[in-house]
Amino acid sequence: MDDPDAPGGVFTHWILYDLSPELRNLDEEVPPRQTLNTPINAKQGMNDFGRIGYGGPCPPQGETHTYRFRLFALNANPNFPSEVTRVTFFEAIEANVIAEARLTGVFGR
């Protein structure tokens, strides 16, 4: 999940990867750990808050920002470094993306 309207450029709120193709939903409050074993088997990268896991939207008071959830189908399982960042994530998947889905929302305070 990212915010392309952030004042400093695209701001990463969440990197969640190595999801099973059989996964159909995510529970609320995914724990902020790099490796998740239950209820899902997945991994999380570094957000731009400087932490592992999800960091919710928080646009400046009086502004509305766009938030994009992007899901990628890959034809290979890239070797991600530990504590992967947005830049290293996209570099690793670039040659392996076979499909992408997007959900975009708008939020303001």
Foldseek 3Di string as FASTA:
>chain_A
DWWQPDPVGIFFFWDKDPWDPPDDDDDPDDDQAQADDPPTGIGIAATNVRGTGGDDDDDPAPDKIKDKDKDFDFPDDFDADRRHDPVSVCVRRVVTTPDMDMDMDMDHD
